[in-house]
N, C-alpha and C. Protein backbone atom coordinates (compact mmCIF):
# COMPACT_ATOMS: atom_id res chain seq x y z
N MET A 1 104.66 100.44 123.44
CA MET A 1 105.30 100.86 121.69
C MET A 1 106.48 100.17 121.44
N LYS A 2 107.19 99.44 122.04
CA LYS A 2 107.66 98.50 121.38
C LYS A 2 107.80 97.48 120.73
N SER A 3 106.51 96.81 121.91
CA SER A 3 105.58 95.42 121.18
C SER A 3 105.34 95.96 120.34
N GLN A 4 104.85 96.60 119.65
CA GLN A 4 103.77 97.14 118.79
C GLN A 4 104.50 97.36 117.80
N CYS A 5 105.91 98.00 117.68
CA CYS A 5 107.08 98.48 116.65
C CYS A 5 107.33 96.85 116.23
N ASN A 6 107.46 96.34 117.14
CA ASN A 6 108.24 94.61 116.96
C ASN A 6 107.42 93.79 115.72
N THR A 7 105.43 93.99 116.20
CA THR A 7 104.96 93.16 115.80
C THR A 7 104.76 93.71 114.23
N LEU A 8 104.55 95.04 114.18
CA LEU A 8 104.90 95.58 112.76
C LEU A 8 106.04 95.08 111.51
N LEU A 9 107.07 95.49 112.77
CA LEU A 9 108.52 94.85 112.10
C LEU A 9 108.04 93.38 111.72
N ILE A 10 107.74 92.41 112.20
CA ILE A 10 107.48 91.07 111.90
C ILE A 10 106.33 90.69 110.88
N ALA A 11 105.22 91.49 110.74
CA ALA A 11 104.15 91.50 109.65
C ALA A 11 104.78 92.11 108.55
N THR A 12 105.23 93.24 108.36
CA THR A 12 106.09 93.52 107.19
C THR A 12 107.39 92.22 106.43
N ALA A 13 107.54 91.98 107.41
CA ALA A 13 108.69 90.98 106.94
C ALA A 13 107.99 89.63 106.06
N LEU A 14 106.61 89.41 107.21
CA LEU A 14 106.82 88.17 106.85
C LEU A 14 105.59 88.62 105.45
N VAL A 15 105.16 89.93 105.03
CA VAL A 15 104.69 90.73 103.56
C VAL A 15 106.04 90.12 102.79
N PHE A 16 107.11 91.15 103.07
CA PHE A 16 108.34 90.45 102.13
C PHE A 16 108.51 89.61 101.82
N TYR A 17 108.42 88.29 102.49
CA TYR A 17 109.27 86.91 102.21
C TYR A 17 108.21 86.63 100.77
N TRP A 18 107.06 87.20 101.66
CA TRP A 18 105.40 86.59 100.25
C TRP A 18 105.56 87.13 99.39
N ILE A 19 105.68 88.45 99.16
CA ILE A 19 105.88 88.93 98.18
C ILE A 19 107.55 88.17 97.21
N LEU A 20 108.17 88.29 98.07
CA LEU A 20 109.21 87.76 97.03
C LEU A 20 109.39 85.96 96.63
N TYR A 21 109.01 85.66 97.78
CA TYR A 21 108.16 83.86 97.42
C TYR A 21 107.93 83.68 96.24
N SER A 22 106.40 84.79 95.81
CA SER A 22 105.44 84.93 94.56
C SER A 22 106.21 85.39 93.60
N VAL A 23 107.34 86.36 93.52
CA VAL A 23 107.79 87.05 92.56
C VAL A 23 108.89 85.43 92.03
N THR A 24 109.25 85.30 93.27
CA THR A 24 110.74 83.51 92.42
C THR A 24 110.20 82.63 91.42
N LYS A 25 108.46 82.61 92.13
CA LYS A 25 107.97 81.19 91.84
C LYS A 25 107.11 81.90 90.64
N LEU A 26 106.21 82.83 90.21
CA LEU A 26 106.11 83.10 89.10
C LEU A 26 107.49 83.45 87.54
N VAL A 27 108.71 83.75 88.35
CA VAL A 27 109.79 83.70 87.23
C VAL A 27 110.39 82.07 86.97
N VAL A 28 110.52 81.18 87.71
CA VAL A 28 110.91 80.31 87.70
C VAL A 28 109.81 79.70 87.03
N ARG A 29 107.92 79.63 86.95
CA ARG A 29 107.04 79.35 85.95
C ARG A 29 107.24 79.77 84.69
N VAL A 30 107.34 81.64 84.59
CA VAL A 30 108.14 81.73 83.39
C VAL A 30 109.41 80.92 82.81
N ASP A 31 110.02 80.80 83.08
CA ASP A 31 111.17 80.15 82.73
C ASP A 31 111.09 78.48 81.87
N GLN A 32 110.39 78.20 83.32
CA GLN A 32 109.88 76.71 82.40
C GLN A 32 109.31 76.44 81.09
N LEU A 33 107.81 77.51 81.16
CA LEU A 33 107.84 77.99 79.70
C LEU A 33 107.87 78.05 78.69
N ASN A 34 109.38 79.17 79.08
CA ASN A 34 109.99 79.49 78.05
C ASN A 34 111.00 78.15 77.55
N GLN A 35 111.06 77.20 78.49
CA GLN A 35 111.77 75.82 77.64
C GLN A 35 110.87 75.56 77.40
N TRP A 36 110.16 75.49 77.75
CA TRP A 36 108.96 74.17 77.24
C TRP A 36 108.54 74.92 75.75
N VAL A 37 108.21 76.26 75.44
CA VAL A 37 108.14 76.79 74.06
C VAL A 37 109.39 76.25 73.45
N ASP A 38 110.96 76.70 73.57
CA ASP A 38 111.80 76.53 72.99
C ASP A 38 111.90 74.69 72.67
N HIS A 39 111.26 74.04 73.57
CA HIS A 39 111.59 72.18 72.93
C HIS A 39 111.08 72.17 72.03
N ASN A 40 109.19 73.02 72.20
CA ASN A 40 108.06 72.62 70.83
C ASN A 40 108.26 73.54 69.83
N GLY A 41 108.53 74.35 70.69
CA GLY A 41 109.10 75.11 68.98
C GLY A 41 107.00 76.11 68.76
N TRP A 42 107.24 77.33 68.42
CA TRP A 42 106.41 78.11 68.25
C TRP A 42 105.10 77.27 67.25
N ARG A 43 105.64 76.39 66.25
CA ARG A 43 104.36 75.97 65.45
C ARG A 43 103.18 75.77 66.13
N TRP A 44 103.29 74.46 67.47
CA TRP A 44 102.35 74.31 68.54
C TRP A 44 101.38 75.30 69.23
N TRP A 45 102.44 76.31 69.83
CA TRP A 45 101.77 77.73 70.37
C TRP A 45 100.37 78.42 69.37
N LEU A 46 101.03 78.58 67.72
CA LEU A 46 100.57 79.01 66.59
C LEU A 46 99.43 78.25 66.32
N ILE A 47 99.41 77.12 66.27
CA ILE A 47 98.19 76.15 65.72
C ILE A 47 96.68 76.30 67.07
N THR A 48 97.58 76.54 68.41
CA THR A 48 96.54 76.46 69.57
C THR A 48 95.70 77.75 69.62
N VAL A 49 96.70 78.45 69.37
CA VAL A 49 96.00 80.27 69.45
C VAL A 49 95.51 80.29 67.64
N MET A 50 95.46 79.54 67.64
CA MET A 50 94.50 79.57 65.70
C MET A 50 93.35 79.04 66.18
N GLU A 51 93.16 77.71 66.58
CA GLU A 51 92.12 76.81 66.73
C GLU A 51 91.16 77.14 67.49
N VAL A 52 91.86 78.52 69.08
CA VAL A 52 90.74 78.93 69.73
C VAL A 52 89.93 80.62 69.16
N ALA A 53 90.77 80.73 67.87
CA ALA A 53 90.65 82.42 67.35
C ALA A 53 89.42 81.31 66.85
N TYR A 54 89.41 80.18 66.22
CA TYR A 54 87.83 80.22 65.32
C TYR A 54 86.92 79.24 66.18
């Protein structure tokens, strides 16, 4: 019984670590995109959206 509890604890810790890693990676990527948009301005983004729309 203790072995099963330890296995469940390890599995839960690994899933938690994976979720934390994924969210952190996503936040970093969003920050990088925001910096890129701030650097290049909204004009480029608006032109790209308009091209896709038509």
